């Protein structure tokens, strides 16, 4: 039917409480498949999630949407068309980041598709603006510009101006060949624009038919699914109990898988902490050994210092004794010098007397 899934993941689905606009309301009892779909006929991207046969997400991506990560495993976006906010809880940060990347990618693709659509609309509206913008009034009739009645498009019919009466035309063709060429060029331009508008109208009509066919196919598929659901509801209570038990088992398995993954992450974290503790223990032992060596060396240095202090004290005592002996010797020498001086004086006196 032209719409195919292009990316899928699993997550717990939530919607904002319409009353409080603050609290999250879970719309799935366990993790469900959330898929991006691309409709090649309408060139749109959608996010769809089913819980059994119930569509819990049906959101068309527009350029104005923004996907916000509110935690490591949770993200949300607002859908103004559905008048709600969707939230997704993932099993890991990697799945959240991958979903956010795809959201941004398809949002950009939707923006480009919208720009192309606007360019196409502007192109179809250009002929009507050109036909109404001239200073001279066209002497051509609407039939000669737009072709036959079957070929006219609504835009050209509404925007083309009626021809002035020949009696009121201020500048006939026979008076100027330049004016004639101008109107011939104008006629060719309008015919070309008319052909483009006709092609666009035919394309739009074909698209409408295709959309109607798709809508009919969707309705048939919905009716078939509704009948299938009715048949399944008519199955015995034992089958319902088995289905309920299976659903509970799937939910339990999903929870156990998440718990196991969390435990594995915790084990890895504890292993890392043990490795860090071992490294710290080795560093502490090494520092303790170095401290002991420093203490031993310090004791040796203290012994050497004490020995040096003793030797210094002994040397100081010896120097003090030497100073005392030298002082005594100087005193004796001074006395002897004094005696020699007196003896010299006496000898000089004797010599003078003789």
Protein backbone atom coordinates (compact mmCIF):
# COMPACT_ATOMS: atom_id res chain seq x y z
CA UNK A 1 0.00 0.00 0.00
CA UNK A 2 3.03 2.30 -0.42
CA UNK A 3 3.95 2.51 3.30
CA UNK A 4 6.86 0.45 4.59
CA UNK A 5 8.69 0.31 7.97
CA UNK A 6 12.24 1.70 7.69
CA UNK A 7 13.41 1.49 11.33
CA UNK A 8 12.10 -0.37 14.40
CA UNK A 9 13.00 -0.62 18.07
CA UNK A 10 11.37 -1.64 21.36
CA UNK A 11 10.36 0.70 24.15
CA UNK A 12 7.77 1.34 26.84
CA UNK A 13 5.18 3.85 25.56
CA UNK A 14 3.70 6.70 27.63
CA UNK A 15 1.36 9.64 26.99
CA UNK A 16 1.02 12.84 28.99
CA UNK A 17 -2.02 13.00 31.27
CA UNK A 18 -4.54 15.19 29.38
CA UNK A 19 -5.95 16.52 32.65
CA UNK A 20 -2.81 17.49 34.58
CA UNK A 21 -0.43 17.89 31.58
CA UNK A 22 2.35 16.81 33.98
CA UNK A 23 2.09 13.10 34.83
CA UNK A 24 2.91 10.27 32.42
CA UNK A 25 0.30 7.61 31.75
CA UNK A 26 1.63 4.24 30.45
CA UNK A 27 -0.18 3.06 27.32
CA UNK A 28 1.59 -0.32 27.14
CA UNK A 29 2.03 -2.89 29.91
CA UNK A 30 5.42 -3.95 28.56
CA UNK A 31 7.93 -2.99 25.91
CA UNK A 32 6.39 -2.88 22.40
CA UNK A 33 7.72 -2.35 18.90
CA UNK A 34 7.95 1.30 17.80
CA UNK A 35 8.57 1.80 14.05
CA UNK A 36 9.23 4.61 11.59
CA UNK A 37 7.09 4.28 8.42
CA UNK A 38 7.57 6.05 5.10
CA UNK A 39 4.63 6.64 2.75
CA UNK A 40 6.14 7.04 -0.71
CA UNK A 41 2.86 8.17 -2.28
CA UNK A 42 2.34 11.09 0.11
CA UNK A 43 6.05 11.56 0.90
CA UNK A 44 5.48 11.61 4.68
CA UNK A 45 7.09 9.89 7.67
CA UNK A 46 5.12 8.46 10.58
CA UNK A 47 5.86 6.86 13.97
CA UNK A 48 3.54 3.90 14.59
CA UNK A 49 3.30 1.46 17.51
CA UNK A 50 0.74 -1.28 18.05
CA UNK A 51 -0.14 -3.02 21.31
CA UNK A 52 -1.86 -6.07 19.94
CA UNK A 53 -4.37 -4.66 17.47
CA UNK A 54 -4.57 -1.23 19.15
CA UNK A 55 -2.58 1.66 17.72
CA UNK A 56 -1.05 3.45 20.72
CA UNK A 57 1.16 5.75 18.58
CA UNK A 58 0.20 7.21 15.19
CA UNK A 59 2.24 10.40 14.82
CA UNK A 60 3.13 12.12 11.54
CA UNK A 61 6.57 13.77 11.65
CA UNK A 62 6.60 17.48 10.78
CA UNK A 63 9.51 19.94 10.52
CA UNK A 64 8.31 21.73 13.69
CA UNK A 65 8.60 18.65 15.92
CA UNK A 66 11.47 18.21 18.38
CA UNK A 67 12.55 15.00 20.12
CA UNK A 68 13.95 15.77 23.59
CA UNK A 69 16.06 13.47 25.76
CA UNK A 70 14.91 14.00 29.35
CA UNK A 71 17.15 11.29 30.86
CA UNK A 72 19.64 8.61 29.81
CA UNK A 73 16.87 6.19 28.77
CA UNK A 74 13.78 8.39 28.23
CA UNK A 75 12.76 10.75 25.42
CA UNK A 76 9.61 12.63 24.39
CA UNK A 77 8.05 14.69 21.59
CA UNK A 78 4.86 16.74 21.21
CA UNK A 79 2.31 16.04 18.46
CA UNK A 80 0.09 19.07 17.93
CA UNK A 81 -2.20 17.18 15.53
CA UNK A 82 -2.94 14.50 18.12
CA UNK A 83 -2.92 17.15 20.89
CA UNK A 84 -0.69 15.04 23.14
CA UNK A 85 2.91 14.38 24.16
CA UNK A 86 4.42 10.92 23.62
CA UNK A 87 7.14 9.45 25.84
CA UNK A 88 9.36 6.41 25.22
CA UNK A 89 11.38 4.50 27.82
CA UNK A 90 14.25 2.49 26.33
CA UNK A 91 16.32 -0.33 27.79
CA UNK A 92 19.63 1.47 27.15
CA UNK A 93 21.05 4.87 26.25
CA UNK A 94 22.26 3.48 22.90
CA UNK A 95 18.70 2.66 21.77
CA UNK A 96 17.54 6.14 22.83
CA UNK A 97 20.37 7.83 20.89
CA UNK A 98 19.65 5.73 17.77
CA UNK A 99 15.92 6.61 17.88
CA UNK A 100 16.77 10.32 18.34
CA UNK A 101 19.16 10.24 15.35
CA UNK A 102 16.49 8.68 13.13
CA UNK A 103 13.93 11.24 14.36
CA UNK A 104 16.24 14.11 13.36
CA UNK A 105 17.00 12.45 10.00
CA UNK A 106 13.35 11.93 9.07
CA UNK A 107 12.42 15.38 10.41
CA UNK A 108 14.95 16.91 7.99
CA UNK A 109 13.55 14.75 5.16
CA UNK A 110 10.04 15.98 6.02
CA UNK A 111 11.29 19.58 5.93
CA UNK A 112 12.82 19.09 2.47
CA UNK A 113 9.62 17.47 1.23
CA UNK A 114 7.58 20.43 2.55
CA UNK A 115 9.91 22.91 0.83
CA UNK A 116 9.54 21.06 -2.47
CA UNK A 117 5.78 21.08 -2.05
CA UNK A 118 5.81 24.85 -1.38
CA UNK A 119 8.00 25.43 -4.44
CA UNK A 120 5.50 23.48 -6.50
CA UNK A 121 2.60 25.54 -5.13
CA UNK A 122 4.51 28.77 -5.86
CA UNK A 123 5.19 27.56 -9.38
CA UNK A 124 1.49 26.90 -9.99
CA UNK A 125 0.54 30.30 -8.57
CA UNK A 126 3.08 32.24 -10.72
CA UNK A 127 0.94 32.37 -13.93
CA UNK A 128 -1.98 33.97 -12.13
CA UNK A 129 0.32 36.64 -10.69
CA UNK A 130 1.93 37.35 -14.07
CA UNK A 131 -1.39 37.63 -15.87
CA UNK A 132 -2.57 40.27 -13.37
CA UNK A 133 0.64 42.33 -13.22
CA UNK A 134 0.92 44.02 -16.66
CA UNK A 135 0.40 47.74 -17.28
CA UNK A 136 -1.25 47.07 -20.65
CA UNK A 137 -4.54 45.27 -20.83
CA UNK A 138 -4.44 42.06 -22.89
CA UNK A 139 -6.60 42.14 -26.04
CA UNK A 140 -6.81 38.32 -26.03
CA UNK A 141 -9.96 36.54 -25.01
CA UNK A 142 -9.98 34.09 -22.07
CA UNK A 143 -10.66 31.27 -24.54
CA UNK A 144 -7.50 32.01 -26.55
CA UNK A 145 -5.36 32.09 -23.37
CA UNK A 146 -6.81 29.13 -21.47
CA UNK A 147 -7.70 26.84 -24.39
CA UNK A 148 -11.01 25.02 -24.52
CA UNK A 149 -13.47 24.84 -21.66
CA UNK A 150 -12.30 21.32 -20.78
CA UNK A 151 -8.64 22.40 -20.49
CA UNK A 152 -9.17 25.37 -18.15
CA UNK A 153 -7.96 25.14 -14.59
CA UNK A 154 -9.65 26.84 -11.63
CA UNK A 155 -6.65 29.04 -10.79
CA UNK A 156 -6.29 30.46 -14.31
CA UNK A 157 -10.02 31.05 -14.72
CA UNK A 158 -10.21 32.98 -11.47
CA UNK A 159 -7.09 35.10 -12.01
CA UNK A 160 -7.25 35.89 -15.76
CA UNK A 161 -8.84 39.22 -16.59
CA UNK A 162 -11.62 39.57 -19.20
CA UNK A 163 -10.81 41.07 -22.56
CA UNK A 164 -11.64 44.69 -23.16
CA UNK A 165 -14.13 45.42 -25.89
CA UNK A 166 -12.56 46.20 -29.30
CA UNK A 167 -14.15 49.61 -29.29
CA UNK A 168 -12.47 50.47 -25.96
CA UNK A 169 -9.00 49.13 -26.85
CA UNK A 170 -6.60 52.08 -26.92
CA UNK A 171 -3.77 50.45 -28.91
CA UNK A 172 -4.76 48.08 -31.80
CA UNK A 173 -2.30 45.51 -33.19
CA UNK A 174 -2.10 47.20 -36.59
CA UNK A 175 -0.52 50.35 -35.13
CA UNK A 176 2.61 48.70 -33.74
CA UNK A 177 4.44 45.49 -34.64
CA UNK A 178 6.33 45.67 -31.31
CA UNK A 179 3.09 45.49 -29.36
CA UNK A 180 2.02 42.54 -31.49
CA UNK A 181 5.22 40.66 -30.70
CA UNK A 182 4.77 41.47 -27.02
CA UNK A 183 1.28 39.98 -26.96
CA UNK A 184 2.44 36.93 -28.92
CA UNK A 185 5.17 36.32 -26.31
CA UNK A 186 2.61 36.88 -23.55
CA UNK A 187 0.28 34.39 -25.21
CA UNK A 188 3.04 31.76 -25.44
CA UNK A 189 3.95 32.28 -21.79
CA UNK A 190 0.36 31.97 -20.63
CA UNK A 191 -0.16 28.84 -22.73
CA UNK A 192 2.95 27.29 -21.19
CA UNK A 193 1.78 28.19 -17.69
CA UNK A 194 -1.67 26.85 -18.50
CA UNK A 195 -0.11 23.54 -19.58
CA UNK A 196 1.85 23.36 -16.31
CA UNK A 197 -1.28 24.06 -14.28
CA UNK A 198 -3.18 21.43 -16.20
CA UNK A 199 -0.45 18.87 -15.57
CA UNK A 200 -0.40 19.77 -11.87
CA UNK A 201 -4.20 19.42 -11.70
CA UNK A 202 -4.05 16.03 -13.41
CA UNK A 203 -1.33 14.93 -11.04
CA UNK A 204 -3.37 16.10 -8.05
CA UNK A 205 -6.41 14.26 -9.38
CA UNK A 206 -4.36 11.10 -9.80
CA UNK A 207 -3.03 11.48 -6.27
CA UNK A 208 -6.56 11.93 -4.93
CA UNK A 209 -7.66 8.76 -6.71
CA UNK A 210 -4.67 6.89 -5.34
CA UNK A 211 -5.39 8.19 -1.84
CA UNK A 212 -9.01 7.08 -2.17
CA UNK A 213 -7.83 3.63 -3.22
CA UNK A 214 -5.45 3.50 -0.28
CA UNK A 215 -8.23 4.67 2.06
CA UNK A 216 -10.50 1.94 0.75
CA UNK A 217 -7.73 -0.62 1.20
CA UNK A 218 -7.13 0.66 4.75
CA UNK A 219 -10.85 0.39 5.50
CA UNK A 220 -10.95 -3.15 4.14
CA UNK A 221 -7.88 -4.06 6.19
CA UNK A 222 -9.41 -2.48 9.30
CA UNK A 223 -12.66 -4.36 8.74
CA UNK A 224 -10.77 -7.60 8.26
CA UNK A 225 -8.80 -7.01 11.43
CA UNK A 226 -12.00 -6.14 13.28
CA UNK A 227 -13.54 -9.43 12.14
CA UNK A 228 -10.40 -11.26 13.17
CA UNK A 229 -10.51 -9.66 16.60
CA UNK A 230 -14.16 -10.63 16.95
CA UNK A 231 -13.30 -14.22 16.04
CA UNK A 232 -10.47 -14.26 18.54
CA UNK A 233 -12.76 -12.87 21.23
CA UNK A 234 -15.09 -15.80 20.61
CA UNK A 235 -12.34 -18.31 21.37
CA UNK A 236 -12.66 -20.30 24.60
CA UNK A 237 -11.69 -18.84 27.96
CA UNK A 238 -8.83 -21.33 28.13
CA UNK A 239 -7.22 -19.78 25.05
CA UNK A 240 -7.65 -16.33 26.62
CA UNK A 241 -6.02 -17.59 29.79
CA UNK A 242 -3.12 -19.04 27.78
CA UNK A 243 -2.74 -15.74 25.91
CA UNK A 244 -2.80 -13.82 29.19
CA UNK A 245 -0.27 -16.19 30.70
CA UNK A 246 1.92 -15.88 27.62
CA UNK A 247 1.73 -12.09 27.82
CA UNK A 248 2.66 -12.20 31.50
CA UNK A 249 5.55 -14.55 30.72
CA UNK A 250 6.78 -12.23 27.95
CA UNK A 251 6.60 -9.30 30.33
CA UNK A 252 8.40 -11.29 33.04
CA UNK A 253 11.10 -12.33 30.55
CA UNK A 254 11.51 -8.73 29.45
CA UNK A 255 11.81 -7.58 33.06
CA UNK A 256 14.27 -10.39 33.84
CA UNK A 257 16.36 -9.45 30.80
CA UNK A 258 16.45 -5.83 31.92
CA UNK A 259 17.33 -6.91 35.48
CA UNK A 260 20.05 -9.22 34.16
CA UNK A 261 21.48 -6.43 32.06
CA UNK A 262 21.48 -4.09 35.05
CA UNK A 263 23.21 -6.78 37.16
CA UNK A 264 25.82 -7.30 34.45
CA UNK A 265 26.48 -3.56 34.36
CA UNK A 266 26.74 -3.54 38.16
CA UNK A 267 29.17 -6.51 38.05
CA UNK A 268 31.32 -4.68 35.52
CA UNK A 269 31.27 -1.60 37.72
CA UNK A 270 32.25 -3.68 40.78
CA UNK A 271 35.07 -5.35 38.83
CA UNK A 272 36.33 -1.92 37.86
CA UNK A 273 36.17 -0.81 41.49
CA UNK A 274 38.06 -3.98 42.58
CA UNK A 275 40.77 -3.30 40.00
CA UNK A 276 41.03 0.28 41.23
CA UNK A 277 41.22 -0.95 44.84
CA UNK A 278 44.01 -3.38 43.91
CA UNK A 279 45.95 -0.62 42.23
CA UNK A 280 45.50 1.58 45.30
CA UNK A 281 46.65 -1.31 47.56
CA UNK A 282 49.76 -1.82 45.43
CA UNK A 283 50.48 1.90 45.54
CA UNK A 284 50.00 1.91 49.33
CA UNK A 285 52.36 -1.08 49.78
CA UNK A 286 54.96 0.60 47.59
CA UNK A 287 54.66 3.85 49.53
CA UNK A 288 54.89 1.94 52.85
CA UNK A 289 58.08 0.22 51.72
CA UNK A 290 59.56 3.51 50.57
CA UNK A 291 58.57 5.08 53.92
CA UNK A 292 60.36 2.32 55.83
CA UNK A 293 63.47 2.80 53.72
CA UNK A 294 63.32 6.54 54.36
CA UNK A 295 62.97 5.92 58.11
CA UNK A 296 66.02 3.61 58.12
CA UNK A 297 68.01 6.15 56.16
CA UNK A 298 66.83 8.85 58.54
CA UNK A 299 68.09 6.82 61.54
CA UNK A 300 71.47 6.39 59.85
CA UNK A 301 71.63 10.10 59.18
CA UNK A 302 70.69 10.82 62.79
CA UNK A 303 73.57 8.57 63.98
CA UNK A 304 75.98 10.28 61.64
CA UNK A 305 74.71 13.67 62.83
CA UNK A 306 75.23 12.69 66.48
CA UNK A 307 78.78 11.50 65.72
CA UNK A 308 79.52 14.74 63.91
CA UNK A 309 78.15 16.75 66.82
CA UNK A 310 80.41 14.87 69.22
CA UNK A 311 83.41 15.37 66.96
CA UNK A 312 82.52 19.05 66.57
CA UNK A 313 82.26 19.46 70.34
CA UNK A 314 85.63 17.72 70.83
CA UNK A 315 87.19 19.89 68.15
CA UNK A 316 85.76 22.99 69.79
CA UNK A 317 87.22 21.91 73.17
CA UNK A 318 90.61 21.29 71.58
CA UNK A 319 90.49 24.69 69.89
CA UNK A 320 89.59 26.33 73.19
CA UNK A 321 92.56 24.63 74.91
CA UNK A 322 94.82 25.67 72.07
CA UNK A 323 93.63 29.26 72.40
CA UNK A 324 94.30 29.19 76.14
CA UNK A 325 97.83 27.78 75.63
CA UNK A 326 98.48 30.32 72.91
CA UNK A 327 97.30 33.13 75.16
CA UNK A 328 99.61 31.93 77.95
CA UNK A 329 102.49 31.70 75.52
CA UNK A 330 101.80 35.24 74.31
CA UNK A 331 101.81 36.52 77.87
CA UNK A 332 105.15 34.81 78.54
CA UNK A 333 106.51 36.16 75.28
CA UNK A 334 105.38 39.67 76.20
CA UNK A 335 107.19 39.35 79.53
CA UNK A 336 110.34 38.18 77.87
CA UNK A 337 110.15 40.98 75.33
CA UNK A 338 109.70 43.49 78.15
CA UNK A 339 112.70 42.06 79.96
CA UNK A 340 114.77 42.19 76.78
CA UNK A 341 113.73 45.80 76.31
CA UNK A 342 114.85 46.71 79.83
CA UNK A 343 118.09 44.81 79.28
CA UNK A 344 118.65 46.74 76.05
CA UNK A 345 118.01 50.04 77.79
CA UNK A 346 120.42 49.17 80.60
CA UNK A 347 123.10 48.15 78.11
CA UNK A 348 122.61 51.43 76.24
CA UNK A 349 123.00 53.40 79.47
CA UNK A 350 126.19 51.50 80.34
CA UNK A 351 127.61 52.25 76.95
CA UNK A 352 126.88 55.92 77.34
CA UNK A 353 128.49 56.02 80.76
CA UNK A 354 131.65 54.36 79.60
